Amino acid sequence: EQEKIGADLIVAFDDHESPLWDYELTKISLDRTERWGIDSLQAQKRKDQLMYGVVHGGVYEDLRRRSAEFTDKHFPAISIGGSYISKKVLYQVLDWTVPYFSTDKPRHLLGIGEVADIFEAIERGIDFFDCVAPTRRGRHGNVYVSPKNGGSTKQNFTIQLTNVRFTLDKDPIDPGCECYTCMNFTRAYLHHLFKANELLAQRLGSYHNVYFIVNLVKRIRKAILDGRFSTMKSTWLPS
């Protein structure tokens, strides 16, 4: 199906382990992912699509390392998957696996896209992300704001537009943001839309959040090129 829809980036078939599984069940799942990965490569007909293999292995270092080496050996691109029971585990998995990836292969962290995770993952060598958080939050009035406007890790860099304190707030969601939502609508108007259950509210909230994350990554990229990544990270994630 990925070939039929013409996707540029496609992902090999994998078995998503449960964080509740013990070592043996996780190993069985990893064996299955490796078999399916080879099957996916053999079944691939279009050579104009980049196929990612998926690193699994749960919370077990040796299985993660084995999967990282296997994926790097067989696939032209690498994605990291699985269930993470905490941010600490997520970052630990990255520390275990990234050293085994070829430097010329793109690395994609599956299902991750919150602000703090983006900074931590990029610092550890991740290139791409995907996550439902921006649109899921946006549909419920939970929208991103930058540190200069009160955003912090404590509230995942968000404000909740349905809160009563925004009823008469004439500021845009994130003052200084140049997205369509912020350039045209106030927090008060968006508060009204959400309270009235208008579908436009979901669209505008999602639009802002996607713009915010895309723009954040653009700024991170420039900071890396300018040698300012550590400074930028400390502004957003003070220790």
C-alpha atoms as a PDB file:
ATOM      1  CA  GLU A   1       0.000   0.000   0.000  1.00  0.00           C
ATOM      2  CA  GLN A   2       2.870   2.384   0.693  1.00  0.00           C
ATOM      3  CA  GLU A   3       4.091   1.805  -2.838  1.00  0.00           C
ATOM      4  CA  LYS A   4       0.619   2.347  -4.288  1.00  0.00           C
ATOM      5  CA  ILE A   5       0.119   5.735  -2.641  1.00  0.00           C
ATOM      6  CA  GLY A   6       3.528   6.847  -3.868  1.00  0.00           C
ATOM      7  CA  ALA A   7       5.087   7.809  -0.551  1.00  0.00           C
ATOM      8  CA  ASP A   8       8.664   9.065  -0.788  1.00  0.00           C
ATOM      9  CA  LEU A   9       9.607   7.607   2.585  1.00  0.00           C
ATOM     10  CA  ILE A  10       8.249   4.192   3.541  1.00  0.00           C
ATOM     11  CA  VAL A  11       8.662   1.986   6.618  1.00  0.00           C
ATOM     12  CA  ALA A  12       9.310  -1.738   6.774  1.00  0.00           C
ATOM     13  CA  PHE A  13       6.696  -3.929   8.463  1.00  0.00           C
ATOM     14  CA  ASP A  14       7.545  -4.308  12.165  1.00  0.00           C
ATOM     15  CA  ASP A  15       6.168  -5.787  15.370  1.00  0.00           C
ATOM     16  CA  HIS A  16       5.514  -3.150  18.038  1.00  0.00           C
ATOM     17  CA  GLU A  17       6.503  -4.579  21.401  1.00  0.00           C
ATOM     18  CA  SER A  18       4.686  -3.841  24.644  1.00  0.00           C
ATOM     19  CA  PRO A  19       6.562  -2.106  27.472  1.00  0.00           C
ATOM     20  CA  LEU A  20       5.002  -4.727  29.773  1.00  0.00           C
ATOM     21  CA  TRP A  21       6.728  -7.645  28.077  1.00  0.00           C
ATOM     22  CA  ASP A  22       9.660  -9.397  29.706  1.00  0.00           C
ATOM     23  CA  TYR A  23      12.975 -10.087  27.994  1.00  0.00           C
ATOM     24  CA  GLU A  24      11.934 -13.317  26.269  1.00  0.00           C
ATOM     25  CA  LEU A  25       8.712 -11.926  24.798  1.00  0.00           C
ATOM     26  CA  THR A  26      10.563  -8.810  23.636  1.00  0.00           C
ATOM     27  CA  LYS A  27      13.221 -10.983  21.978  1.00  0.00           C
ATOM     28  CA  ILE A  28      10.552 -13.009  20.163  1.00  0.00           C
ATOM     29  CA  SER A  29       9.016  -9.756  18.940  1.00  0.00           C
ATOM     30  CA  LEU A  30      12.413  -8.500  17.754  1.00  0.00           C
ATOM     31  CA  ASP A  31      13.037 -11.767  15.884  1.00  0.00           C
ATOM     32  CA  ARG A  32       9.710 -11.215  14.122  1.00  0.00           C
ATOM     33  CA  THR A  33      10.568  -7.599  13.256  1.00  0.00           C
ATOM     34  CA  GLU A  34      13.858  -8.695  11.700  1.00  0.00           C
ATOM     35  CA  ARG A  35      12.149 -11.388   9.600  1.00  0.00           C
ATOM     36  CA  TRP A  36       9.475  -8.973   8.467  1.00  0.00           C
ATOM     37  CA  GLY A  37      12.132  -6.371   7.699  1.00  0.00           C
ATOM     38  CA  ILE A  38      13.930  -8.682   5.299  1.00  0.00           C
ATOM     39  CA  ASP A  39      10.573  -9.675   3.778  1.00  0.00           C
ATOM     40  CA  SER A  40       9.754  -5.988   3.256  1.00  0.00           C
ATOM     41  CA  LEU A  41      13.031  -5.385   1.437  1.00  0.00           C
ATOM     42  CA  GLN A  42      12.474  -8.394  -0.801  1.00  0.00           C
ATOM     43  CA  ALA A  43       8.913  -7.304  -1.552  1.00  0.00           C
ATOM     44  CA  GLN A  44       9.881  -3.751  -2.457  1.00  0.00           C
ATOM     45  CA  LYS A  45       9.369  -3.124  -6.169  1.00  0.00           C
ATOM     46  CA  ARG A  46       9.835   0.629  -6.459  1.00  0.00           C
ATOM     47  CA  LYS A  47      13.370   1.867  -6.066  1.00  0.00           C
ATOM     48  CA  ASP A  48      12.357   5.523  -5.924  1.00  0.00           C
ATOM     49  CA  GLN A  49      11.100   5.117  -2.348  1.00  0.00           C
ATOM     50  CA  LEU A  50      13.419   5.208   0.655  1.00  0.00           C
ATOM     51  CA  MET A  51      12.635   2.352   3.046  1.00  0.00           C
ATOM     52  CA  TYR A  52      13.285   2.727   6.762  1.00  0.00           C
ATOM     53  CA  GLY A  53      14.006  -0.277   8.926  1.00  0.00           C
ATOM     54  CA  VAL A  54      12.701  -0.056  12.490  1.00  0.00           C
ATOM     55  CA  VAL A  55      14.835  -0.488  15.606  1.00  0.00           C
ATOM     56  CA  HIS A  56      13.092  -2.325  18.440  1.00  0.00           C
ATOM     57  CA  GLY A  57      14.153  -4.196  21.554  1.00  0.00           C
ATOM     58  CA  GLY A  58      12.150  -2.604  24.329  1.00  0.00           C
ATOM     59  CA  VAL A  59      14.054  -1.491  27.419  1.00  0.00           C
ATOM     60  CA  TYR A  60      16.823  -4.069  26.993  1.00  0.00           C
ATOM     61  CA  GLU A  61      20.208  -2.654  25.978  1.00  0.00           C
ATOM     62  CA  ASP A  62      21.559  -5.766  24.247  1.00  0.00           C
ATOM     63  CA  LEU A  63      18.389  -6.192  22.171  1.00  0.00           C
ATOM     64  CA  ARG A  64      18.390  -2.512  21.194  1.00  0.00           C
ATOM     65  CA  ARG A  65      22.047  -2.716  20.209  1.00  0.00           C
ATOM     66  CA  ARG A  66      21.422  -5.871  18.194  1.00  0.00           C
ATOM     67  CA  SER A  67      18.467  -4.252  16.430  1.00  0.00           C
ATOM     68  CA  ALA A  68      20.446  -1.073  15.714  1.00  0.00           C
ATOM     69  CA  GLU A  69      23.255  -3.066  14.083  1.00  0.00           C
ATOM     70  CA  PHE A  70      20.804  -5.198  12.093  1.00  0.00           C
ATOM     71  CA  THR A  71      18.849  -2.202  10.842  1.00  0.00           C
ATOM     72  CA  ASP A  72      21.942  -0.239   9.903  1.00  0.00           C
ATOM     73  CA  LYS A  73      23.333  -3.244   8.010  1.00  0.00           C
ATOM     74  CA  HIS A  74      20.239  -3.952   5.914  1.00  0.00           C
ATOM     75  CA  PHE A  75      18.418  -0.641   5.413  1.00  0.00           C
ATOM     76  CA  PRO A  76      19.328   2.651   3.740  1.00  0.00           C
ATOM     77  CA  ALA A  77      17.453   4.614   6.422  1.00  0.00           C
ATOM     78  CA  ILE A  78      16.805   4.029  10.108  1.00  0.00           C
ATOM     79  CA  SER A  79      13.825   4.648  12.362  1.00  0.00           C
ATOM     80  CA  ILE A  80      13.590   4.010  16.086  1.00  0.00           C
ATOM     81  CA  GLY A  81      10.332   2.622  17.425  1.00  0.00           C
ATOM     82  CA  GLY A  82       8.790   0.979  20.433  1.00  0.00           C
ATOM     83  CA  SER A  83       7.007   1.960  23.610  1.00  0.00           C
ATOM     84  CA  TYR A  84       8.736   4.265  26.074  1.00  0.00           C
ATOM     85  CA  ILE A  85       7.493   4.224  29.653  1.00  0.00           C
ATOM     86  CA  SER A  86       9.244   7.515  30.459  1.00  0.00           C
ATOM     87  CA  LYS A  87      11.367  10.240  28.905  1.00  0.00           C
ATOM     88  CA  LYS A  88      14.356   8.839  30.771  1.00  0.00           C
ATOM     89  CA  VAL A  89      13.888   5.502  28.992  1.00  0.00           C
ATOM     90  CA  LEU A  90      13.418   7.230  25.637  1.00  0.00           C
ATOM     91  CA  TYR A  91      16.685   9.141  25.952  1.00  0.00           C
ATOM     92  CA  GLN A  92      18.464   6.027  27.225  1.00  0.00           C
ATOM     93  CA  VAL A  93      17.345   4.072  24.155  1.00  0.00           C
ATOM     94  CA  LEU A  94      18.765   6.811  21.934  1.00  0.00           C
ATOM     95  CA  ASP A  95      22.068   6.706  23.807  1.00  0.00           C
ATOM     96  CA  TRP A  96      22.194   2.936  23.333  1.00  0.00           C
ATOM     97  CA  THR A  97      21.381   2.876  19.622  1.00  0.00           C
ATOM     98  CA  VAL A  98      22.564   6.021  17.820  1.00  0.00           C
ATOM     99  CA  PRO A  99      26.291   5.128  18.062  1.00  0.00           C
ATOM    100  CA  TYR A 100      25.598   2.085  15.855  1.00  0.00           C
ATOM    101  CA  PHE A 101      24.054   4.074  12.978  1.00  0.00           C
ATOM    102  CA  SER A 102      26.048   5.073   9.911  1.00  0.00           C
ATOM    103  CA  THR A 103      26.549   8.825   9.843  1.00  0.00           C
ATOM    104  CA  ASP A 104      25.286   9.133   6.261  1.00  0.00           C
ATOM    105  CA  LYS A 105      21.911   7.469   6.913  1.00  0.00           C
ATOM    106  CA  PRO A 106      18.806   9.478   7.907  1.00  0.00           C
ATOM    107  CA  ARG A 107      17.497   8.725  11.402  1.00  0.00           C
ATOM    108  CA  HIS A 108      13.831   9.023  12.279  1.00  0.00           C
ATOM    109  CA  LEU A 109      12.388   8.859  15.799  1.00  0.00           C
ATOM    110  CA  LEU A 110       8.906   7.401  15.427  1.00  0.00           C
ATOM    111  CA  GLY A 111       5.955   8.886  17.302  1.00  0.00           C
ATOM    112  CA  ILE A 112       7.922  11.612  19.103  1.00  0.00           C
ATOM    113  CA  GLY A 113       7.417  15.336  18.612  1.00  0.00           C
ATOM    114  CA  GLU A 114       7.039  17.273  21.867  1.00  0.00           C
ATOM    115  CA  VAL A 115       9.269  20.313  22.341  1.00  0.00           C
ATOM    116  CA  ALA A 116      11.583  18.920  25.013  1.00  0.00           C
ATOM    117  CA  ASP A 117      11.938  15.597  23.190  1.00  0.00           C
ATOM    118  CA  ILE A 118      12.891  17.339  19.952  1.00  0.00           C
ATOM    119  CA  PHE A 119      15.765  19.170  21.633  1.00  0.00           C
ATOM    120  CA  GLU A 120      16.985  16.062  23.458  1.00  0.00           C
ATOM    121  CA  ALA A 121      16.724  13.833  20.395  1.00  0.00           C
ATOM    122  CA  ILE A 122      18.445  16.262  18.027  1.00  0.00           C
ATOM    123  CA  GLU A 123      21.280  16.592  20.512  1.00  0.00           C
ATOM    124  CA  ARG A 124      21.630  12.815  20.350  1.00  0.00           C
ATOM    125  CA  GLY A 125      21.770  12.702  16.539  1.00  0.00           C
ATOM    126  CA  ILE A 126      18.160  12.330  15.355  1.00  0.00           C
ATOM    127  CA  ASP A 127      17.161  13.951  12.039  1.00  0.00           C
ATOM    128  CA  PHE A 128      13.392  13.384  11.657  1.00  0.00           C
ATOM    129  CA  PHE A 129      10.294  13.070  13.841  1.00  0.00           C
ATOM    130  CA  ASP A 130       6.587  12.393  13.546  1.00  0.00           C
ATOM    131  CA  CYS A 131       3.936  12.859  16.207  1.00  0.00           C
ATOM    132  CA  VAL A 132       0.199  13.452  16.602  1.00  0.00           C
ATOM    133  CA  ALA A 133       0.734  15.769  19.595  1.00  0.00           C
ATOM    134  CA  PRO A 134       0.558  19.113  17.716  1.00  0.00           C
ATOM    135  CA  THR A 135      -2.788  18.391  16.046  1.00  0.00           C
ATOM    136  CA  ARG A 136      -4.239  16.413  18.954  1.00  0.00           C
ATOM    137  CA  ARG A 137      -3.415  19.224  21.358  1.00  0.00           C
ATOM    138  CA  GLY A 138      -4.611  21.854  18.902  1.00  0.00           C
ATOM    139  CA  ARG A 139      -8.007  20.211  18.469  1.00  0.00           C
ATOM    140  CA  HIS A 140      -8.588  20.533  22.218  1.00  0.00           C
ATOM    141  CA  GLY A 141      -7.378  24.105  22.640  1.00  0.00           C
ATOM    142  CA  ASN A 142      -3.986  23.169  24.048  1.00  0.00           C
ATOM    143  CA  VAL A 143      -1.599  25.356  22.059  1.00  0.00           C
ATOM    144  CA  TYR A 144       2.145  25.954  22.058  1.00  0.00           C
ATOM    145  CA  VAL A 145       3.823  29.114  23.356  1.00  0.00           C
ATOM    146  CA  SER A 146       7.502  30.016  23.419  1.00  0.00           C
ATOM    147  CA  PRO A 147       9.542  30.662  26.596  1.00  0.00           C
ATOM    148  CA  LYS A 148       9.319  34.439  26.193  1.00  0.00           C
ATOM    149  CA  ASN A 149       5.531  34.120  26.463  1.00  0.00           C
ATOM    150  CA  GLY A 150       5.501  31.798  29.446  1.00  0.00           C
ATOM    151  CA  GLY A 151       6.158  28.439  27.827  1.00  0.00           C
ATOM    152  CA  SER A 152       8.100  25.920  29.906  1.00  0.00           C
ATOM    153  CA  THR A 153       8.599  22.192  30.338  1.00  0.00           C
ATOM    154  CA  LYS A 154       6.233  22.278  33.329  1.00  0.00           C
ATOM    155  CA  GLN A 155       3.226  22.656  31.007  1.00  0.00           C
ATOM    156  CA  ASN A 156       4.859  21.209  27.857  1.00  0.00           C
ATOM    157  CA  PHE A 157       5.165  24.737  26.421  1.00  0.00           C
ATOM    158  CA  THR A 158       1.391  25.064  26.101  1.00  0.00           C
ATOM    159  CA  ILE A 159      -1.524  27.139  27.318  1.00  0.00           C
ATOM    160  CA  GLN A 160      -5.118  25.891  27.523  1.00  0.00           C
ATOM    161  CA  LEU A 161      -7.331  28.292  25.545  1.00  0.00           C
ATOM    162  CA  THR A 162     -10.545  27.002  27.128  1.00  0.00           C
ATOM    163  CA  ASN A 163      -9.469  28.375  30.519  1.00  0.00           C
ATOM    164  CA  VAL A 164     -11.544  31.324  31.719  1.00  0.00           C
ATOM    165  CA  ARG A 165      -8.517  33.625  31.948  1.00  0.00           C
ATOM    166  CA  PHE A 166      -8.426  33.865  28.161  1.00  0.00           C
ATOM    167  CA  THR A 167     -12.033  35.072  27.805  1.00  0.00           C
ATOM    168  CA  LEU A 168     -10.983  38.689  27.204  1.00  0.00           C
ATOM    169  CA  ASP A 169      -7.325  38.192  26.234  1.00  0.00           C
ATOM    170  CA  LYS A 170      -6.600  40.231  23.099  1.00  0.00           C
ATOM    171  CA  ASP A 171      -3.127  38.795  22.500  1.00  0.00           C
ATOM    172  CA  PRO A 172      -2.459  36.180  19.810  1.00  0.00           C
ATOM    173  CA  ILE A 173      -1.683  32.675  21.022  1.00  0.00           C
ATOM    174  CA  ASP A 174       2.084  33.240  20.967  1.00  0.00           C
ATOM    175  CA  PRO A 175       2.966  36.950  20.511  1.00  0.00           C
ATOM    176  CA  GLY A 176       5.644  37.169  17.834  1.00  0.00           C
ATOM    177  CA  CYS A 177       4.467  34.030  16.008  1.00  0.00           C
ATOM    178  CA  GLU A 178       3.781  34.686  12.319  1.00  0.00           C
ATOM    179  CA  CYS A 179       1.384  31.820  11.644  1.00  0.00           C
ATOM    180  CA  TYR A 180      -2.034  32.497  10.094  1.00  0.00           C
ATOM    181  CA  THR A 181      -3.811  31.930  13.391  1.00  0.00           C
ATOM    182  CA  CYS A 182      -1.650  34.315  15.401  1.00  0.00           C
ATOM    183  CA  MET A 183      -1.690  36.983  12.695  1.00  0.00           C
ATOM    184  CA  ASN A 184      -5.494  37.040  12.496  1.00  0.00           C
ATOM    185  CA  PHE A 185      -7.120  35.867  15.754  1.00  0.00           C
ATOM    186  CA  THR A 186      -6.911  36.654  19.451  1.00  0.00           C
ATOM    187  CA  ARG A 187      -6.839  34.238  22.355  1.00  0.00           C
ATOM    188  CA  ALA A 188     -10.270  35.593  23.346  1.00  0.00           C
ATOM    189  CA  TYR A 189     -11.818  34.804  19.973  1.00  0.00           C
ATOM    190  CA  LEU A 190     -10.286  31.336  19.933  1.00  0.00           C
ATOM    191  CA  HIS A 191     -11.546  30.799  23.492  1.00  0.00           C
ATOM    192  CA  HIS A 192     -15.038  31.651  22.231  1.00  0.00           C
ATOM    193  CA  LEU A 193     -14.741  29.265  19.269  1.00  0.00           C
ATOM    194  CA  PHE A 194     -13.711  26.378  21.500  1.00  0.00           C
ATOM    195  CA  LYS A 195     -16.464  27.081  24.004  1.00  0.00           C
ATOM    196  CA  ALA A 196     -18.996  27.203  21.145  1.00  0.00           C
ATOM    197  CA  ASN A 197     -17.671  23.888  19.762  1.00  0.00           C
ATOM    198  CA  GLU A 198     -16.944  25.498  16.393  1.00  0.00           C
ATOM    199  CA  LEU A 199     -14.885  23.279  14.080  1.00  0.00           C
ATOM    200  CA  LEU A 200     -12.880  26.353  13.074  1.00  0.00           C
ATOM    201  CA  ALA A 201     -11.349  26.294  16.540  1.00  0.00           C
ATOM    202  CA  GLN A 202      -9.853  22.865  15.925  1.00  0.00           C
ATOM    203  CA  ARG A 203      -8.458  23.973  12.571  1.00  0.00           C
ATOM    204  CA  LEU A 204      -6.900  27.156  13.907  1.00  0.00           C
ATOM    205  CA  GLY A 205      -5.446  25.464  16.981  1.00  0.00           C
ATOM    206  CA  SER A 206      -3.934  22.680  14.895  1.00  0.00           C
ATOM    207  CA  TYR A 207      -2.594  25.136  12.318  1.00  0.00           C
ATOM    208  CA  HIS A 208      -0.764  27.124  14.971  1.00  0.00           C
ATOM    209  CA  ASN A 209       0.712  24.047  16.639  1.00  0.00           C
ATOM    210  CA  VAL A 210       2.026  22.534  13.406  1.00  0.00           C
ATOM    211  CA  TYR A 211       3.503  25.893  12.373  1.00  0.00           C
ATOM    212  CA  PHE A 212       5.074  26.289  15.821  1.00  0.00           C
ATOM    213  CA  ILE A 213       6.844  22.908  15.697  1.00  0.00           C
ATOM    214  CA  VAL A 214       8.007  23.290  12.085  1.00  0.00           C
ATOM    215  CA  ASN A 215       9.324  26.788  12.810  1.00  0.00           C
ATOM    216  CA  LEU A 216      11.027  25.573  15.992  1.00  0.00           C
ATOM    217  CA  VAL A 217      12.936  22.907  14.067  1.00  0.00           C
ATOM    218  CA  LYS A 218      13.950  25.486  11.445  1.00  0.00           C
ATOM    219  CA  ARG A 219      15.349  27.652  14.222  1.00  0.00           C
ATOM    220  CA  ILE A 220      17.161  24.691  15.754  1.00  0.00           C
ATOM    221  CA  ARG A 221      18.701  23.877  12.371  1.00  0.00           C
ATOM    222  CA  LYS A 222      19.985  27.448  12.022  1.00  0.00           C
ATOM    223  CA  ALA A 223      21.290  27.392  15.592  1.00  0.00           C
ATOM    224  CA  ILE A 224      23.261  24.232  14.813  1.00  0.00           C
ATOM    225  CA  LEU A 225      24.761  25.812  11.694  1.00  0.00           C
ATOM    226  CA  ASP A 226      25.661  28.928  13.677  1.00  0.00           C
ATOM    227  CA  GLY A 227      27.128  26.943  16.581  1.00  0.00           C
ATOM    228  CA  ARG A 228      24.416  28.146  18.977  1.00  0.00           C
ATOM    229  CA  PHE A 229      22.490  24.933  19.646  1.00  0.00           C
ATOM    230  CA  SER A 230      23.574  24.568  23.286  1.00  0.00           C
ATOM    231  CA  THR A 231      22.670  28.182  23.999  1.00  0.00           C
ATOM    232  CA  MET A 232      19.269  27.824  22.375  1.00  0.00           C
ATOM    233  CA  LYS A 233      18.562  24.584  24.212  1.00  0.00           C
ATOM    234  CA  SER A 234      19.445  26.141  27.567  1.00  0.00           C
ATOM    235  CA  THR A 235      16.977  28.952  26.861  1.00  0.00           C
ATOM    236  CA  TRP A 236      14.164  26.487  26.223  1.00  0.00           C
ATOM    237  CA  LEU A 237      15.223  23.783  28.684  1.00  0.00           C
ATOM    238  CA  PRO A 238      17.080  25.456  31.551  1.00  0.00           C
ATOM    239  CA  SER A 239      18.791  22.976  33.846  1.00  0.00           C
END
